[in-house]
Amino acid sequence: MTGKSENIFEVCVYNPDGFTERDYFQVRDEVLAANPDYWQLFQPSTVNIFFLHRKNGQERSDKLISKIQRLKKSSALFAALGVGVDQRDYIVDIDSLDKITTMPIGISLKAINNAKKDSSAGVAG
């Protein structure tokens, strides 16, 4: 494996109160259903999800964003969630199954900043 540049859609799901066991697993299930190329609980309040552009990344990321938006409306427990997206090039290691093996390299704060703006801080149940 060697690092190479890939165009990626990064989706960030942010919970200003931090995820609890109760809300994290529901968000995780939505993330896994979107079949990301890589994802990680980055902080207690942030999940970063990465989709390779060349593998229908925009379509898969758009579907995940829609699911998170529906989840926000479904219960006061999720009302404070924020979701943001950014598309850019990252350096990644990709395995033989065409999955990203480690956190993509490249600093971008756009997705997290968009997620924080989208969040309704203080509304969580």
N, C-alpha and C. Protein backbone atom coordinates (compact mmCIF):
# COMPACT_ATOMS: atom_id res chain seq x y z
N MET A 1 0.84 -1.19 0.00
CA MET A 1 0.00 0.00 0.00
C MET A 1 0.88 1.25 0.00
N THR A 2 0.52 2.17 -0.86
CA THR A 2 1.18 3.46 -0.87
C THR A 2 0.11 4.53 -0.92
N GLY A 3 0.44 5.67 -0.37
CA GLY A 3 -0.53 6.76 -0.37
C GLY A 3 -0.71 7.33 -1.76
N LYS A 4 -1.94 7.66 -2.08
CA LYS A 4 -2.21 8.32 -3.35
C LYS A 4 -3.32 9.33 -3.17
N SER A 5 -3.36 10.28 -4.06
CA SER A 5 -4.37 11.33 -3.98
C SER A 5 -5.69 10.83 -4.55
N GLU A 6 -6.76 11.05 -3.80
CA GLU A 6 -8.11 10.67 -4.22
C GLU A 6 -9.08 11.79 -3.92
N ASN A 7 -10.03 12.00 -4.81
CA ASN A 7 -11.09 12.96 -4.57
C ASN A 7 -12.13 12.28 -3.68
N ILE A 8 -12.46 12.93 -2.58
CA ILE A 8 -13.29 12.32 -1.54
C ILE A 8 -14.38 13.28 -1.07
N PHE A 9 -15.53 12.71 -0.80
CA PHE A 9 -16.58 13.44 -0.10
C PHE A 9 -16.44 13.08 1.38
N GLU A 10 -16.23 14.09 2.21
CA GLU A 10 -16.17 13.88 3.65
C GLU A 10 -17.47 14.39 4.26
N VAL A 11 -18.14 13.54 4.99
CA VAL A 11 -19.34 13.91 5.72
C VAL A 11 -18.99 13.89 7.20
N CYS A 12 -19.41 14.92 7.88
CA CYS A 12 -19.17 15.01 9.32
C CYS A 12 -20.52 15.09 10.02
N VAL A 13 -20.71 14.24 11.03
CA VAL A 13 -21.91 14.29 11.87
C VAL A 13 -21.43 14.75 13.24
N TYR A 14 -22.03 15.81 13.72
CA TYR A 14 -21.58 16.47 14.95
C TYR A 14 -22.71 16.53 15.97
N ASN A 15 -22.40 16.18 17.21
CA ASN A 15 -23.34 16.30 18.31
C ASN A 15 -22.70 17.21 19.35
N PRO A 16 -23.22 18.42 19.53
CA PRO A 16 -22.58 19.38 20.44
C PRO A 16 -22.50 18.90 21.88
N ASP A 17 -23.37 17.99 22.27
CA ASP A 17 -23.37 17.45 23.64
C ASP A 17 -22.52 16.20 23.76
N GLY A 18 -21.91 15.77 22.66
CA GLY A 18 -21.16 14.51 22.65
C GLY A 18 -22.13 13.35 22.50
N PHE A 19 -21.68 12.31 21.83
CA PHE A 19 -22.53 11.13 21.65
C PHE A 19 -22.58 10.32 22.92
N THR A 20 -23.76 9.80 23.19
CA THR A 20 -23.93 8.84 24.28
C THR A 20 -24.13 7.48 23.63
N GLU A 21 -24.09 6.46 24.43
CA GLU A 21 -24.35 5.12 23.89
C GLU A 21 -25.71 5.07 23.21
N ARG A 22 -26.66 5.76 23.78
CA ARG A 22 -28.03 5.74 23.28
C ARG A 22 -28.16 6.31 21.86
N ASP A 23 -27.50 7.45 21.60
CA ASP A 23 -27.64 8.06 20.27
C ASP A 23 -26.54 7.65 19.30
N TYR A 24 -25.37 7.29 19.81
CA TYR A 24 -24.26 6.92 18.93
C TYR A 24 -24.59 5.71 18.06
N PHE A 25 -25.16 4.68 18.64
CA PHE A 25 -25.39 3.45 17.88
C PHE A 25 -26.38 3.66 16.73
N GLN A 26 -27.37 4.52 16.92
CA GLN A 26 -28.30 4.82 15.83
C GLN A 26 -27.58 5.54 14.69
N VAL A 27 -26.75 6.52 15.03
CA VAL A 27 -25.97 7.24 14.01
C VAL A 27 -25.01 6.27 13.33
N ARG A 28 -24.34 5.44 14.11
CA ARG A 28 -23.41 4.46 13.54
C ARG A 28 -24.11 3.53 12.56
N ASP A 29 -25.30 3.08 12.90
CA ASP A 29 -26.04 2.20 12.00
C ASP A 29 -26.35 2.88 10.67
N GLU A 30 -26.69 4.17 10.72
CA GLU A 30 -26.94 4.92 9.48
C GLU A 30 -25.66 5.05 8.66
N VAL A 31 -24.55 5.30 9.35
CA VAL A 31 -23.25 5.40 8.67
C VAL A 31 -22.90 4.08 7.99
N LEU A 32 -23.02 2.99 8.70
CA LEU A 32 -22.68 1.68 8.13
C LEU A 32 -23.58 1.32 6.95
N ALA A 33 -24.86 1.69 7.03
CA ALA A 33 -25.79 1.41 5.94
C ALA A 33 -25.42 2.18 4.67
N ALA A 34 -24.69 3.28 4.82
CA ALA A 34 -24.27 4.07 3.66
C ALA A 34 -23.04 3.49 2.96
N ASN A 35 -22.48 2.43 3.53
CA ASN A 35 -21.33 1.74 2.96
C ASN A 35 -20.16 2.70 2.67
N PRO A 36 -19.66 3.39 3.70
CA PRO A 36 -18.57 4.34 3.47
C PRO A 36 -17.27 3.61 3.15
N ASP A 37 -16.35 4.34 2.55
CA ASP A 37 -15.03 3.78 2.27
C ASP A 37 -14.12 3.86 3.50
N TYR A 38 -14.48 4.73 4.44
CA TYR A 38 -13.79 4.81 5.72
C TYR A 38 -14.64 5.69 6.63
N TRP A 39 -14.65 5.39 7.91
CA TRP A 39 -15.32 6.26 8.87
C TRP A 39 -14.65 6.08 10.23
N GLN A 40 -14.85 7.08 11.08
CA GLN A 40 -14.22 7.04 12.39
C GLN A 40 -14.95 7.98 13.35
N LEU A 41 -15.15 7.50 14.58
CA LEU A 41 -15.59 8.39 15.66
C LEU A 41 -14.33 9.15 16.03
N PHE A 42 -14.29 10.42 15.68
CA PHE A 42 -13.07 11.20 15.81
C PHE A 42 -12.92 11.80 17.20
N GLN A 43 -13.97 12.27 17.76
CA GLN A 43 -14.01 12.82 19.11
C GLN A 43 -15.33 12.34 19.69
N PRO A 44 -15.54 12.55 20.96
CA PRO A 44 -16.83 12.12 21.50
C PRO A 44 -18.03 12.81 20.83
N SER A 45 -17.75 13.88 20.09
CA SER A 45 -18.85 14.62 19.48
C SER A 45 -18.87 14.57 17.96
N THR A 46 -17.92 13.87 17.33
CA THR A 46 -17.76 13.98 15.88
C THR A 46 -17.53 12.62 15.22
N VAL A 47 -18.30 12.34 14.18
CA VAL A 47 -18.07 11.16 13.35
C VAL A 47 -17.70 11.67 11.96
N ASN A 48 -16.54 11.24 11.46
CA ASN A 48 -16.10 11.60 10.10
C ASN A 48 -16.28 10.39 9.20
N ILE A 49 -16.89 10.62 8.05
CA ILE A 49 -17.20 9.56 7.11
C ILE A 49 -16.65 9.97 5.75
N PHE A 50 -15.98 9.04 5.05
CA PHE A 50 -15.33 9.35 3.79
C PHE A 50 -15.84 8.43 2.68
N PHE A 51 -16.14 9.04 1.53
CA PHE A 51 -16.62 8.32 0.35
C PHE A 51 -15.74 8.69 -0.84
N LEU A 52 -15.20 7.69 -1.52
CA LEU A 52 -14.41 7.94 -2.72
C LEU A 52 -15.33 8.44 -3.83
N HIS A 53 -14.95 9.54 -4.43
CA HIS A 53 -15.74 10.13 -5.52
C HIS A 53 -15.94 9.12 -6.65
N ARG A 54 -14.90 8.42 -7.01
CA ARG A 54 -14.95 7.49 -8.16
C ARG A 54 -15.83 6.27 -7.91
N LYS A 55 -16.27 6.08 -6.68
CA LYS A 55 -17.16 4.96 -6.34
C LYS A 55 -18.53 5.50 -5.92
N ASN A 56 -19.09 6.39 -6.74
CA ASN A 56 -20.40 6.99 -6.44
C ASN A 56 -20.41 7.70 -5.09
N GLY A 57 -19.31 8.35 -4.76
CA GLY A 57 -19.18 9.01 -3.48
C GLY A 57 -20.22 10.09 -3.24
N GLN A 58 -20.54 10.85 -4.27
CA GLN A 58 -21.52 11.91 -4.07
C GLN A 58 -22.89 11.33 -3.78
N GLU A 59 -23.29 10.33 -4.51
CA GLU A 59 -24.60 9.71 -4.29
C GLU A 59 -24.69 9.10 -2.90
N ARG A 60 -23.66 8.36 -2.49
CA ARG A 60 -23.69 7.72 -1.18
C ARG A 60 -23.66 8.74 -0.04
N SER A 61 -22.86 9.80 -0.22
CA SER A 61 -22.81 10.83 0.83
C SER A 61 -24.13 11.60 0.91
N ASP A 62 -24.73 11.89 -0.24
CA ASP A 62 -26.03 12.57 -0.24
C ASP A 62 -27.10 11.75 0.47
N LYS A 63 -27.10 10.44 0.25
CA LYS A 63 -28.07 9.56 0.92
C LYS A 63 -27.86 9.56 2.44
N LEU A 64 -26.59 9.52 2.86
CA LEU A 64 -26.32 9.56 4.29
C LEU A 64 -26.77 10.88 4.90
N ILE A 65 -26.49 11.97 4.23
CA ILE A 65 -26.91 13.28 4.73
C ILE A 65 -28.43 13.33 4.88
N SER A 66 -29.15 12.81 3.90
CA SER A 66 -30.62 12.77 3.98
C SER A 66 -31.09 11.93 5.16
N LYS A 67 -30.44 10.80 5.40
CA LYS A 67 -30.82 9.95 6.52
C LYS A 67 -30.57 10.64 7.86
N ILE A 68 -29.46 11.34 7.96
CA ILE A 68 -29.16 12.05 9.21
C ILE A 68 -30.16 13.19 9.41
N GLN A 69 -30.51 13.89 8.33
CA GLN A 69 -31.50 14.96 8.45
C GLN A 69 -32.85 14.41 8.91
N ARG A 70 -33.25 13.24 8.39
CA ARG A 70 -34.50 12.60 8.84
C ARG A 70 -34.39 12.18 10.30
N LEU A 71 -33.24 11.67 10.68
CA LEU A 71 -33.03 11.27 12.07
C LEU A 71 -33.17 12.47 13.00
N LYS A 72 -32.65 13.62 12.59
CA LYS A 72 -32.77 14.84 13.39
C LYS A 72 -34.22 15.20 13.66
N LYS A 73 -35.07 14.97 12.68
CA LYS A 73 -36.49 15.32 12.80
C LYS A 73 -37.29 14.26 13.54
N SER A 74 -36.71 13.07 13.71
CA SER A 74 -37.46 11.95 14.27
C SER A 74 -37.62 12.00 15.78
N SER A 75 -36.71 12.68 16.48
CA SER A 75 -36.74 12.64 17.94
C SER A 75 -35.93 13.80 18.50
N ALA A 76 -36.35 14.28 19.66
CA ALA A 76 -35.60 15.33 20.35
C ALA A 76 -34.19 14.86 20.70
N LEU A 77 -34.00 13.56 20.83
CA LEU A 77 -32.69 13.00 21.13
C LEU A 77 -31.67 13.37 20.06
N PHE A 78 -32.13 13.52 18.81
CA PHE A 78 -31.23 13.80 17.69
C PHE A 78 -31.34 15.23 17.16
N ALA A 79 -32.17 16.05 17.78
CA ALA A 79 -32.45 17.39 17.25
C ALA A 79 -31.21 18.27 17.15
N ALA A 80 -30.23 18.07 18.01
CA ALA A 80 -29.04 18.93 18.01
C ALA A 80 -27.97 18.48 17.02
N LEU A 81 -28.17 17.33 16.38
CA LEU A 81 -27.16 16.85 15.42
C LEU A 81 -26.96 17.87 14.31
N GLY A 82 -25.72 17.95 13.86
CA GLY A 82 -25.40 18.75 12.69
C GLY A 82 -24.69 17.86 11.70
N VAL A 83 -24.90 18.15 10.42
CA VAL A 83 -24.22 17.38 9.38
C VAL A 83 -23.64 18.35 8.37
N GLY A 84 -22.41 18.08 7.98
CA GLY A 84 -21.73 18.92 7.00
C GLY A 84 -20.95 18.07 6.02
N VAL A 85 -20.62 18.65 4.88
CA VAL A 85 -19.91 17.90 3.85
C VAL A 85 -18.85 18.79 3.21
N ASP A 86 -17.83 18.15 2.71
CA ASP A 86 -16.79 18.82 1.93
C ASP A 86 -16.29 17.83 0.89
N GLN A 87 -15.94 18.34 -0.25
CA GLN A 87 -15.35 17.51 -1.30
C GLN A 87 -13.97 18.07 -1.61
N ARG A 88 -12.96 17.20 -1.54
CA ARG A 88 -11.60 17.64 -1.82
C ARG A 88 -10.69 16.44 -1.99
N ASP A 89 -9.46 16.70 -2.37
CA ASP A 89 -8.47 15.64 -2.50
C ASP A 89 -7.80 15.37 -1.16
N TYR A 90 -7.65 14.10 -0.85
CA TYR A 90 -6.92 13.63 0.33
C TYR A 90 -5.88 12.62 -0.13
N ILE A 91 -4.88 12.42 0.70
CA ILE A 91 -3.93 11.33 0.49
C ILE A 91 -4.46 10.14 1.28
N VAL A 92 -4.58 9.00 0.61
CA VAL A 92 -5.15 7.82 1.25
C VAL A 92 -4.35 6.57 0.92
N ASP A 93 -4.44 5.59 1.81
CA ASP A 93 -3.98 4.24 1.54
C ASP A 93 -5.21 3.42 1.25
N ILE A 94 -5.15 2.65 0.16
CA ILE A 94 -6.30 1.84 -0.25
C ILE A 94 -5.86 0.39 -0.34
N ASP A 95 -6.69 -0.51 0.21
CA ASP A 95 -6.35 -1.93 0.20
C ASP A 95 -6.83 -2.60 -1.09
N SER A 96 -6.62 -3.90 -1.18
CA SER A 96 -6.97 -4.65 -2.39
C SER A 96 -8.47 -4.72 -2.62
N LEU A 97 -9.28 -4.43 -1.60
CA LEU A 97 -10.73 -4.42 -1.74
C LEU A 97 -11.25 -3.02 -2.07
N ASP A 98 -10.32 -2.10 -2.34
CA ASP A 98 -10.63 -0.72 -2.72
C ASP A 98 -11.28 0.06 -1.58
N LYS A 99 -10.88 -0.26 -0.35
CA LYS A 99 -11.33 0.47 0.84
C LYS A 99 -10.16 1.27 1.39
N ILE A 100 -10.46 2.43 1.95
CA ILE A 100 -9.46 3.25 2.60
C ILE A 100 -9.11 2.56 3.92
N THR A 101 -7.79 2.40 4.19
CA THR A 101 -7.38 1.62 5.35
C THR A 101 -7.10 2.45 6.60
N THR A 102 -6.77 3.72 6.45
CA THR A 102 -6.49 4.59 7.59
C THR A 102 -7.11 5.95 7.32
N MET A 103 -7.18 6.76 8.36
CA MET A 103 -7.74 8.11 8.23
C MET A 103 -7.05 8.85 7.09
N PRO A 104 -7.82 9.38 6.13
CA PRO A 104 -7.24 10.15 5.04
C PRO A 104 -6.41 11.33 5.56
N ILE A 105 -5.35 11.65 4.84
CA ILE A 105 -4.44 12.73 5.24
C ILE A 105 -4.76 13.97 4.42
N GLY A 106 -4.93 15.06 5.11
CA GLY A 106 -5.22 16.34 4.48
C GLY A 106 -6.13 17.14 5.39
N ILE A 107 -5.72 18.30 5.73
CA ILE A 107 -6.48 19.09 6.70
C ILE A 107 -7.59 19.84 6.00
N SER A 108 -8.78 19.64 6.48
CA SER A 108 -9.95 20.39 6.02
C SER A 108 -10.88 20.54 7.21
N LEU A 109 -11.28 21.74 7.46
CA LEU A 109 -12.22 21.97 8.55
C LEU A 109 -13.60 22.32 8.02
N LYS A 110 -13.77 22.29 6.71
CA LYS A 110 -15.04 22.72 6.12
C LYS A 110 -16.20 21.81 6.55
N ALA A 111 -16.02 20.51 6.50
CA ALA A 111 -17.11 19.59 6.86
C ALA A 111 -17.52 19.76 8.32
N ILE A 112 -16.56 19.82 9.23
CA ILE A 112 -16.90 19.98 10.65
C ILE A 112 -17.50 21.35 10.90
N ASN A 113 -16.98 22.39 10.27
CA ASN A 113 -17.56 23.73 10.45
C ASN A 113 -18.99 23.79 9.93
N ASN A 114 -19.25 23.15 8.79
CA ASN A 114 -20.61 23.10 8.26
C ASN A 114 -21.53 22.31 9.19
N ALA A 115 -21.01 21.23 9.78
CA ALA A 115 -21.81 20.43 10.71
C ALA A 115 -22.13 21.24 11.97
N LYS A 116 -21.17 21.99 12.45
CA LYS A 116 -21.41 22.82 13.64
C LYS A 116 -22.44 23.90 13.35
N LYS A 117 -22.39 24.48 12.15
CA LYS A 117 -23.38 25.49 11.77
C LYS A 117 -24.78 24.87 11.67
N ASP A 118 -24.83 23.63 11.18
CA ASP A 118 -26.10 22.95 11.00
C ASP A 118 -26.71 22.51 12.34
N SER A 119 -25.85 22.35 13.33
CA SER A 119 -26.31 21.87 14.63
C SER A 119 -27.19 22.92 15.33
N SER A 120 -28.16 22.39 16.04
CA SER A 120 -29.00 23.26 16.88
C SER A 120 -28.53 23.08 18.31
N ALA A 121 -27.42 23.69 18.64
CA ALA A 121 -26.78 23.52 19.94
C ALA A 121 -27.77 23.78 21.07
N GLY A 122 -27.72 22.88 22.04
CA GLY A 122 -28.55 23.05 23.22
C GLY A 122 -29.95 22.50 23.11
N VAL A 123 -30.29 21.85 21.99
CA VAL A 123 -31.64 21.35 21.78
C VAL A 123 -31.72 19.86 22.10
N ALA A 124 -30.61 19.22 22.34
CA ALA A 124 -30.60 17.77 22.53
C ALA A 124 -31.49 17.36 23.69
N GLY A 125 -32.05 16.13 23.54
CA GLY A 125 -32.96 15.62 24.55
C GLY A 125 -32.26 14.97 25.70
